Amino acid sequence: MPRRKGISPVIATVIIVAVTIAVAIAVAFWMTGIVGLFTGFEQLQITAIYDDQGGIHLTVRNTGTSTAAITDVFVNNHPINQVNGQFQCDNIQLGQDNPITLSPGQQVNCVLAFNGQPGHFTVEPGVSLEIKLHTAGGKDYPKLIVLQAYNAAGGGAGGGAGGGAGGG
């Protein structure tokens, strides 16, 4: 009687298990790629902040995986449009219908300046201000600065003009 030839059941089981594991790994990598497409996130970082006689300068970078849109700026919890302030990044002025958008990995240089003293607080050397960027995604990115040179009354560092301005 002729003897049948084939692979042993143990070898067949090992092959089936190896193929199943390989397919599972491939599906896991594929699903991770799909999930990454739908779970983008915004993450802004204020990487530098300083002031001079021209205003408060911020360097902002989007380190997230989706586009971020700065829709408002708060200074000491007051919206910038209520405190005589202007905010622009790379010569783009922030406005109610004009958010400042940052693509993933993009960095912009921004300037915050006031047209006179705000009234709610004083902007002069030695004063601490909390600058908070608010995005369309509902996130806030705060940064604290102690002014060294900027004076909203226009005197600059060491300038006595405006030293007694604003106290409220």
N, C-alpha and C. Protein backbone atom coordinates (compact mmCIF):
# COMPACT_ATOMS: atom_id res chain seq x y z
N MET A 1 0.83 -1.15 0.00
CA MET A 1 0.00 0.00 0.00
C MET A 1 0.89 1.24 0.00
N PRO A 2 0.58 2.17 -0.88
CA PRO A 2 1.42 3.35 -0.96
C PRO A 2 1.22 4.24 0.28
N ARG A 3 2.32 4.79 0.68
CA ARG A 3 2.30 5.64 1.86
C ARG A 3 2.08 7.09 1.45
N ARG A 4 1.19 7.76 2.13
CA ARG A 4 0.92 9.17 1.81
C ARG A 4 1.99 10.04 2.43
N LYS A 5 2.36 11.06 1.68
CA LYS A 5 3.35 11.99 2.20
C LYS A 5 2.69 13.35 2.39
N GLY A 6 3.11 14.08 3.43
CA GLY A 6 2.57 15.41 3.73
C GLY A 6 3.29 15.96 4.95
N ILE A 7 2.82 17.07 5.39
CA ILE A 7 3.48 17.64 6.56
C ILE A 7 2.79 17.14 7.82
N SER A 8 3.54 17.13 8.86
CA SER A 8 2.98 16.63 10.11
C SER A 8 2.00 17.65 10.69
N PRO A 9 1.08 17.22 11.51
CA PRO A 9 0.12 18.15 12.12
C PRO A 9 0.79 19.22 12.98
N VAL A 10 1.89 18.91 13.60
CA VAL A 10 2.59 19.90 14.42
C VAL A 10 3.15 21.01 13.55
N ILE A 11 3.78 20.66 12.44
CA ILE A 11 4.32 21.66 11.53
C ILE A 11 3.19 22.49 10.94
N ALA A 12 2.10 21.89 10.58
CA ALA A 12 0.96 22.62 10.02
C ALA A 12 0.42 23.63 11.03
N THR A 13 0.33 23.22 12.28
CA THR A 13 -0.16 24.13 13.33
C THR A 13 0.79 25.30 13.51
N VAL A 14 2.08 25.07 13.50
CA VAL A 14 3.07 26.14 13.64
C VAL A 14 2.95 27.13 12.49
N ILE A 15 2.78 26.65 11.30
CA ILE A 15 2.64 27.53 10.12
C ILE A 15 1.38 28.37 10.23
N ILE A 16 0.26 27.75 10.62
CA ILE A 16 -1.00 28.49 10.76
C ILE A 16 -0.88 29.58 11.82
N VAL A 17 -0.28 29.26 12.94
CA VAL A 17 -0.10 30.24 14.01
C VAL A 17 0.80 31.38 13.54
N ALA A 18 1.88 31.09 12.84
CA ALA A 18 2.80 32.13 12.37
C ALA A 18 2.11 33.06 11.37
N VAL A 19 1.32 32.51 10.46
CA VAL A 19 0.60 33.33 9.49
C VAL A 19 -0.43 34.20 10.20
N THR A 20 -1.13 33.64 11.19
CA THR A 20 -2.12 34.41 11.94
C THR A 20 -1.47 35.58 12.68
N ILE A 21 -0.33 35.34 13.29
CA ILE A 21 0.37 36.41 14.00
C ILE A 21 0.83 37.49 13.02
N ALA A 22 1.35 37.11 11.89
CA ALA A 22 1.81 38.08 10.89
C ALA A 22 0.65 38.94 10.39
N VAL A 23 -0.50 38.31 10.14
CA VAL A 23 -1.67 39.07 9.68
C VAL A 23 -2.15 40.01 10.78
N ALA A 24 -2.15 39.55 12.04
CA ALA A 24 -2.58 40.40 13.16
C ALA A 24 -1.68 41.61 13.30
N ILE A 25 -0.38 41.43 13.16
CA ILE A 25 0.56 42.56 13.24
C ILE A 25 0.31 43.54 12.09
N ALA A 26 0.10 43.04 10.90
CA ALA A 26 -0.16 43.91 9.75
C ALA A 26 -1.45 44.71 9.96
N VAL A 27 -2.49 44.07 10.47
CA VAL A 27 -3.76 44.76 10.72
C VAL A 27 -3.57 45.82 11.81
N ALA A 28 -2.79 45.51 12.84
CA ALA A 28 -2.55 46.47 13.92
C ALA A 28 -1.84 47.71 13.39
N PHE A 29 -0.82 47.54 12.57
CA PHE A 29 -0.13 48.70 11.99
C PHE A 29 -1.05 49.51 11.09
N TRP A 30 -1.88 48.83 10.33
CA TRP A 30 -2.82 49.51 9.44
C TRP A 30 -3.83 50.31 10.25
N MET A 31 -4.38 49.71 11.31
CA MET A 31 -5.35 50.41 12.15
C MET A 31 -4.72 51.60 12.86
N THR A 32 -3.48 51.48 13.30
CA THR A 32 -2.79 52.59 13.95
C THR A 32 -2.68 53.77 12.99
N GLY A 33 -2.39 53.49 11.74
CA GLY A 33 -2.30 54.55 10.74
C GLY A 33 -3.65 55.22 10.51
N ILE A 34 -4.72 54.46 10.48
CA ILE A 34 -6.05 55.02 10.29
C ILE A 34 -6.46 55.85 11.50
N VAL A 35 -6.21 55.33 12.69
CA VAL A 35 -6.57 56.04 13.90
C VAL A 35 -5.80 57.36 13.96
N GLY A 36 -4.56 57.36 13.56
CA GLY A 36 -3.75 58.59 13.56
C GLY A 36 -4.34 59.67 12.67
N LEU A 37 -5.01 59.27 11.60
CA LEU A 37 -5.62 60.25 10.71
C LEU A 37 -6.81 60.95 11.37
N PHE A 38 -7.53 60.25 12.23
CA PHE A 38 -8.74 60.79 12.83
C PHE A 38 -8.54 61.35 14.23
N THR A 39 -7.37 61.20 14.78
CA THR A 39 -7.14 61.67 16.15
C THR A 39 -6.07 62.76 16.20
N GLY A 40 -6.09 63.65 15.24
CA GLY A 40 -5.15 64.77 15.25
C GLY A 40 -5.44 65.68 16.44
N PHE A 41 -4.43 66.33 16.94
CA PHE A 41 -4.62 67.22 18.08
C PHE A 41 -3.81 68.48 17.88
N GLU A 42 -4.28 69.54 18.50
CA GLU A 42 -3.54 70.80 18.46
C GLU A 42 -2.72 70.93 19.74
N GLN A 43 -1.56 71.51 19.60
CA GLN A 43 -0.71 71.75 20.76
C GLN A 43 0.19 72.93 20.43
N LEU A 44 -0.09 74.07 21.05
CA LEU A 44 0.75 75.23 20.84
C LEU A 44 1.75 75.34 21.98
N GLN A 45 2.92 75.81 21.65
CA GLN A 45 3.94 76.10 22.66
C GLN A 45 4.43 77.52 22.44
N ILE A 46 4.44 78.29 23.51
CA ILE A 46 5.06 79.62 23.46
C ILE A 46 6.51 79.39 23.84
N THR A 47 7.37 79.35 22.84
CA THR A 47 8.76 78.95 23.07
C THR A 47 9.63 80.11 23.55
N ALA A 48 9.19 81.34 23.32
CA ALA A 48 9.96 82.50 23.79
C ALA A 48 8.99 83.66 24.02
N ILE A 49 9.30 84.45 25.03
CA ILE A 49 8.51 85.66 25.30
C ILE A 49 9.45 86.70 25.90
N TYR A 50 9.39 87.91 25.36
CA TYR A 50 10.18 89.02 25.89
C TYR A 50 9.50 90.32 25.50
N ASP A 51 9.93 91.39 26.12
CA ASP A 51 9.36 92.69 25.77
C ASP A 51 10.46 93.68 25.46
N ASP A 52 10.11 94.65 24.67
CA ASP A 52 10.98 95.79 24.40
C ASP A 52 10.07 97.01 24.23
N GLN A 53 10.60 98.11 23.78
CA GLN A 53 9.79 99.32 23.67
C GLN A 53 8.70 99.20 22.61
N GLY A 54 8.82 98.20 21.73
CA GLY A 54 7.82 98.01 20.68
C GLY A 54 6.65 97.12 21.07
N GLY A 55 6.74 96.43 22.19
CA GLY A 55 5.64 95.57 22.60
C GLY A 55 6.15 94.30 23.26
N ILE A 56 5.25 93.34 23.39
CA ILE A 56 5.57 92.04 23.97
C ILE A 56 5.66 91.05 22.81
N HIS A 57 6.80 90.40 22.70
CA HIS A 57 7.08 89.51 21.57
C HIS A 57 6.97 88.06 22.02
N LEU A 58 6.26 87.25 21.23
CA LEU A 58 6.10 85.83 21.52
C LEU A 58 6.49 85.02 20.30
N THR A 59 7.14 83.90 20.53
CA THR A 59 7.38 82.94 19.47
C THR A 59 6.49 81.74 19.77
N VAL A 60 5.61 81.41 18.81
CA VAL A 60 4.61 80.37 19.03
C VAL A 60 4.83 79.28 17.98
N ARG A 61 4.82 78.02 18.45
CA ARG A 61 5.00 76.87 17.56
C ARG A 61 3.86 75.89 17.77
N ASN A 62 3.35 75.36 16.66
CA ASN A 62 2.34 74.30 16.72
C ASN A 62 3.06 72.96 16.72
N THR A 63 3.09 72.30 17.87
CA THR A 63 3.76 71.00 17.98
C THR A 63 2.75 69.85 17.88
N GLY A 64 1.50 70.16 17.57
CA GLY A 64 0.48 69.13 17.43
C GLY A 64 0.47 68.53 16.03
N THR A 65 -0.55 67.72 15.78
CA THR A 65 -0.66 67.04 14.49
C THR A 65 -1.77 67.60 13.62
N SER A 66 -2.49 68.62 14.11
CA SER A 66 -3.52 69.25 13.29
C SER A 66 -3.34 70.77 13.35
N THR A 67 -3.98 71.45 12.43
CA THR A 67 -3.89 72.90 12.36
C THR A 67 -4.56 73.53 13.58
N ALA A 68 -3.92 74.55 14.14
CA ALA A 68 -4.47 75.28 15.27
C ALA A 68 -4.78 76.70 14.81
N ALA A 69 -5.88 77.26 15.31
CA ALA A 69 -6.29 78.61 14.96
C ALA A 69 -6.43 79.44 16.23
N ILE A 70 -5.58 80.46 16.37
CA ILE A 70 -5.68 81.37 17.51
C ILE A 70 -6.83 82.32 17.21
N THR A 71 -7.86 82.29 18.07
CA THR A 71 -9.04 83.11 17.84
C THR A 71 -9.12 84.30 18.78
N ASP A 72 -8.42 84.23 19.91
CA ASP A 72 -8.46 85.33 20.87
C ASP A 72 -7.21 85.31 21.73
N VAL A 73 -6.90 86.46 22.28
CA VAL A 73 -5.78 86.60 23.21
C VAL A 73 -6.32 87.30 24.44
N PHE A 74 -5.95 86.78 25.61
CA PHE A 74 -6.36 87.37 26.88
C PHE A 74 -5.12 87.86 27.61
N VAL A 75 -5.25 89.04 28.22
CA VAL A 75 -4.19 89.58 29.06
C VAL A 75 -4.78 89.76 30.44
N ASN A 76 -4.21 89.07 31.40
CA ASN A 76 -4.75 89.06 32.77
C ASN A 76 -6.26 88.76 32.76
N ASN A 77 -6.64 87.78 31.96
CA ASN A 77 -8.02 87.30 31.83
C ASN A 77 -8.99 88.30 31.19
N HIS A 78 -8.47 89.30 30.53
CA HIS A 78 -9.31 90.26 29.79
C HIS A 78 -9.06 90.06 28.30
N PRO A 79 -10.13 89.95 27.50
CA PRO A 79 -9.94 89.83 26.05
C PRO A 79 -9.19 91.05 25.51
N ILE A 80 -8.33 90.80 24.56
CA ILE A 80 -7.46 91.86 24.05
C ILE A 80 -8.26 93.02 23.45
N ASN A 81 -9.43 92.74 22.88
CA ASN A 81 -10.21 93.83 22.29
C ASN A 81 -10.87 94.72 23.35
N GLN A 82 -10.82 94.31 24.62
CA GLN A 82 -11.38 95.14 25.69
C GLN A 82 -10.31 95.91 26.46
N VAL A 83 -9.05 95.73 26.08
CA VAL A 83 -7.96 96.39 26.82
C VAL A 83 -7.05 97.20 25.89
N ASN A 84 -7.60 97.70 24.80
CA ASN A 84 -6.84 98.54 23.86
C ASN A 84 -5.63 97.82 23.26
N GLY A 85 -5.75 96.51 23.08
CA GLY A 85 -4.60 95.76 22.58
C GLY A 85 -4.74 95.33 21.14
N GLN A 86 -3.58 95.08 20.54
CA GLN A 86 -3.50 94.53 19.19
C GLN A 86 -2.53 93.37 19.20
N PHE A 87 -2.87 92.32 18.45
CA PHE A 87 -2.03 91.13 18.39
C PHE A 87 -1.86 90.74 16.94
N GLN A 88 -0.61 90.54 16.53
CA GLN A 88 -0.36 90.10 15.16
C GLN A 88 0.79 89.10 15.15
N CYS A 89 0.71 88.17 14.21
CA CYS A 89 1.75 87.17 14.02
C CYS A 89 2.19 87.21 12.57
N ASP A 90 3.50 87.37 12.38
CA ASP A 90 4.06 87.45 11.02
C ASP A 90 3.25 88.41 10.14
N ASN A 91 2.96 89.59 10.69
CA ASN A 91 2.25 90.68 10.01
C ASN A 91 0.80 90.36 9.67
N ILE A 92 0.21 89.35 10.32
CA ILE A 92 -1.21 89.06 10.16
C ILE A 92 -1.91 89.49 11.45
N GLN A 93 -2.82 90.44 11.32
CA GLN A 93 -3.52 91.01 12.47
C GLN A 93 -4.64 90.07 12.91
N LEU A 94 -4.68 89.75 14.20
CA LEU A 94 -5.78 88.95 14.74
C LEU A 94 -7.03 89.80 14.76
N GLY A 95 -8.13 89.23 14.25
CA GLY A 95 -9.41 89.93 14.26
C GLY A 95 -10.52 88.95 14.55
N GLN A 96 -11.72 89.48 14.76
CA GLN A 96 -12.86 88.64 15.10
C GLN A 96 -13.12 87.59 14.01
N ASP A 97 -13.01 87.98 12.77
CA ASP A 97 -13.22 87.06 11.66
C ASP A 97 -11.91 86.66 10.99
N ASN A 98 -10.79 86.91 11.66
CA ASN A 98 -9.49 86.63 11.07
C ASN A 98 -8.59 85.95 12.10
N PRO A 99 -8.80 84.62 12.32
CA PRO A 99 -7.92 83.92 13.26
C PRO A 99 -6.53 83.75 12.67
N ILE A 100 -5.58 83.51 13.53
CA ILE A 100 -4.21 83.24 13.08
C ILE A 100 -4.04 81.73 13.11
N THR A 101 -3.82 81.13 11.93
CA THR A 101 -3.73 79.68 11.83
C THR A 101 -2.27 79.23 11.75
N LEU A 102 -2.00 78.12 12.42
CA LEU A 102 -0.67 77.52 12.41
C LEU A 102 -0.81 76.06 11.98
N SER A 103 -0.13 75.69 10.94
CA SER A 103 -0.10 74.31 10.49
C SER A 103 0.80 73.51 11.43
N PRO A 104 0.67 72.18 11.43
CA PRO A 104 1.56 71.39 12.28
C PRO A 104 3.02 71.68 11.97
N GLY A 105 3.79 71.95 13.00
CA GLY A 105 5.21 72.25 12.85
C GLY A 105 5.53 73.71 12.56
N GLN A 106 4.52 74.51 12.25
CA GLN A 106 4.76 75.92 11.91
C GLN A 106 5.07 76.75 13.15
N GLN A 107 5.96 77.71 12.96
CA GLN A 107 6.32 78.65 14.02
C GLN A 107 6.10 80.06 13.52
N VAL A 108 5.54 80.93 14.39
CA VAL A 108 5.30 82.32 14.02
C VAL A 108 5.85 83.23 15.11
N ASN A 109 6.18 84.45 14.70
CA ASN A 109 6.63 85.48 15.63
C ASN A 109 5.50 86.49 15.79
N CYS A 110 5.09 86.70 17.02
CA CYS A 110 3.93 87.52 17.31
C CYS A 110 4.31 88.72 18.15
N VAL A 111 3.50 89.78 18.04
CA VAL A 111 3.71 90.99 18.83
C VAL A 111 2.37 91.40 19.43
N LEU A 112 2.39 91.69 20.72
CA LEU A 112 1.24 92.21 21.43
C LEU A 112 1.58 93.63 21.85
N ALA A 113 0.73 94.58 21.47
CA ALA A 113 0.97 95.99 21.81
C ALA A 113 -0.34 96.62 22.26
N PHE A 114 -0.21 97.65 23.07
CA PHE A 114 -1.38 98.35 23.58
C PHE A 114 -1.39 99.78 23.07
N ASN A 115 -2.58 100.30 22.83
CA ASN A 115 -2.76 101.70 22.44
C ASN A 115 -3.11 102.48 23.71
N GLY A 116 -2.11 102.75 24.52
CA GLY A 116 -2.34 103.41 25.80
C GLY A 116 -2.56 102.38 26.90
N GLN A 117 -2.69 102.84 28.11
CA GLN A 117 -2.91 101.94 29.25
C GLN A 117 -4.29 101.29 29.14
N PRO A 118 -4.39 100.01 29.46
CA PRO A 118 -5.65 99.29 29.30
C PRO A 118 -6.77 99.74 30.22
N GLY A 119 -6.48 100.21 31.40
CA GLY A 119 -7.54 100.60 32.32
C GLY A 119 -7.80 99.54 33.37
N HIS A 120 -7.76 98.25 33.01
CA HIS A 120 -8.00 97.17 33.96
C HIS A 120 -6.73 96.82 34.74
N PHE A 121 -5.58 97.15 34.20
CA PHE A 121 -4.29 96.87 34.81
C PHE A 121 -3.27 97.81 34.18
N THR A 122 -2.09 97.85 34.78
CA THR A 122 -1.04 98.75 34.28
C THR A 122 -0.03 97.95 33.47
N VAL A 123 0.42 98.54 32.37
CA VAL A 123 1.44 97.92 31.53
C VAL A 123 2.67 98.82 31.57
N GLU A 124 3.63 98.43 32.40
CA GLU A 124 4.88 99.19 32.56
C GLU A 124 5.93 98.25 33.13
N PRO A 125 7.20 98.62 33.04
CA PRO A 125 8.27 97.75 33.56
C PRO A 125 8.04 97.39 35.02
N GLY A 126 8.29 96.11 35.32
CA GLY A 126 8.13 95.59 36.67
C GLY A 126 6.80 94.91 36.92
N VAL A 127 5.85 95.05 36.00
CA VAL A 127 4.52 94.46 36.16
C VAL A 127 4.49 93.07 35.52
N SER A 128 3.82 92.12 36.20
CA SER A 128 3.62 90.78 35.65
C SER A 128 2.32 90.74 34.86
N LEU A 129 2.38 90.15 33.69
CA LEU A 129 1.18 89.97 32.86
C LEU A 129 1.07 88.50 32.47
N GLU A 130 -0.16 87.99 32.49
CA GLU A 130 -0.41 86.65 31.97
C GLU A 130 -1.00 86.81 30.57
N ILE A 131 -0.29 86.30 29.58
CA ILE A 131 -0.73 86.32 28.19
C ILE A 131 -1.29 84.92 27.91
N LYS A 132 -2.54 84.86 27.45
CA LYS A 132 -3.16 83.57 27.19
C LYS A 132 -3.68 83.54 25.77
N LEU A 133 -3.21 82.57 24.99
CA LEU A 133 -3.70 82.38 23.62
C LEU A 133 -4.86 81.39 23.66
N HIS A 134 -5.97 81.75 23.05
CA HIS A 134 -7.16 80.89 23.02
C HIS A 134 -7.36 80.42 21.58
N THR A 135 -7.61 79.12 21.40
CA THR A 135 -7.75 78.58 20.05
C THR A 135 -9.18 78.16 19.75
N ALA A 136 -9.44 77.93 18.48
CA ALA A 136 -10.76 77.49 18.04
C ALA A 136 -11.12 76.14 18.64
N GLY A 137 -10.12 75.35 19.00
CA GLY A 137 -10.37 74.05 19.63
C GLY A 137 -10.76 74.17 21.09
N GLY A 138 -10.81 75.40 21.62
CA GLY A 138 -11.23 75.60 23.00
C GLY A 138 -10.10 75.52 24.02
N LYS A 139 -8.88 75.41 23.57
CA LYS A 139 -7.75 75.29 24.50
C LYS A 139 -7.12 76.66 24.75
N ASP A 140 -6.55 76.80 25.95
CA ASP A 140 -5.83 78.02 26.33
C ASP A 140 -4.37 77.68 26.56
N TYR A 141 -3.50 78.58 26.12
CA TYR A 141 -2.07 78.41 26.28
C TYR A 141 -1.50 79.66 26.95
N PRO A 142 -1.36 79.61 28.29
CA PRO A 142 -0.92 80.81 29.03
C PRO A 142 0.60 80.90 29.15
N LYS A 143 1.08 82.13 29.32
CA LYS A 143 2.49 82.38 29.59
C LYS A 143 2.57 83.66 30.42
N LEU A 144 3.44 83.64 31.41
CA LEU A 144 3.61 84.78 32.30
C LEU A 144 4.87 85.54 31.92
N ILE A 145 4.80 86.86 31.96
CA ILE A 145 5.97 87.69 31.68
C ILE A 145 6.02 88.83 32.69
N VAL A 146 7.21 89.13 33.15
CA VAL A 146 7.44 90.33 33.96
C VAL A 146 8.08 91.34 33.02
N LEU A 147 7.39 92.44 32.78
CA LEU A 147 7.86 93.43 31.80
C LEU A 147 9.17 94.05 32.25
N GLN A 148 10.07 94.19 31.30
CA GLN A 148 11.37 94.80 31.54
C GLN A 148 11.50 96.18 30.90
N ALA A 149 10.86 96.36 29.75
CA ALA A 149 11.05 97.60 29.01
C ALA A 149 9.76 98.22 28.48
N TYR A 150 8.75 97.41 28.22
CA TYR A 150 7.55 97.92 27.55
C TYR A 150 6.69 98.73 28.51
N ASN A 151 6.22 99.87 28.02
CA ASN A 151 5.32 100.73 28.77
C ASN A 151 4.22 101.17 27.81
N ALA A 152 3.00 100.78 28.09
CA ALA A 152 1.88 101.11 27.20
C ALA A 152 1.64 102.60 27.09
N ALA A 153 2.14 103.37 28.08
CA ALA A 153 1.98 104.83 28.02
C ALA A 153 3.00 105.44 27.07
N GLY A 154 3.95 104.60 26.59
CA GLY A 154 4.88 105.07 25.57
C GLY A 154 6.23 105.52 26.08
N GLY A 155 6.52 105.36 27.36
CA GLY A 155 7.79 105.83 27.89
C GLY A 155 8.95 104.89 27.69
N GLY A 156 8.72 103.58 27.55
CA GLY A 156 9.81 102.63 27.43
C GLY A 156 10.51 102.44 28.76
N ALA A 157 11.61 101.74 28.76
CA ALA A 157 12.34 101.45 30.00
C ALA A 157 13.02 102.70 30.51
N GLY A 158 12.84 102.97 31.77
CA GLY A 158 13.53 104.10 32.39
C GLY A 158 12.93 105.43 32.05
N GLY A 159 11.94 105.47 31.15
CA GLY A 159 11.34 106.74 30.79
C GLY A 159 10.32 107.14 31.82
N GLY A 160 10.46 108.31 32.38
CA GLY A 160 9.55 108.74 33.43
C GLY A 160 8.18 109.07 32.89
N ALA A 161 8.03 109.28 31.61
CA ALA A 161 6.72 109.62 31.06
C ALA A 161 5.79 108.44 31.21
N GLY A 162 4.76 108.55 31.93
CA GLY A 162 3.83 107.44 32.07
C GLY A 162 4.09 106.64 33.32
N GLY A 163 5.07 107.02 34.14
CA GLY A 163 5.34 106.28 35.35
C GLY A 163 4.15 106.27 36.29
N GLY A 164 3.36 107.31 36.29
CA GLY A 164 2.21 107.34 37.17
C GLY A 164 0.91 107.04 36.45
N ALA A 165 1.00 106.61 35.20
CA ALA A 165 -0.21 106.40 34.41
C ALA A 165 -0.92 105.13 34.81
N GLY A 166 -2.14 105.06 34.65
CA GLY A 166 -3.01 103.92 34.81
C GLY A 166 -3.01 103.36 36.19
N GLY A 167 -3.59 103.22 37.06
CA GLY A 167 -3.44 102.49 38.30
C GLY A 167 -4.67 101.72 38.54
N GLY A 168 -5.27 101.12 37.63
CA GLY A 168 -6.53 100.56 38.00
C GLY A 168 -6.70 99.21 37.63
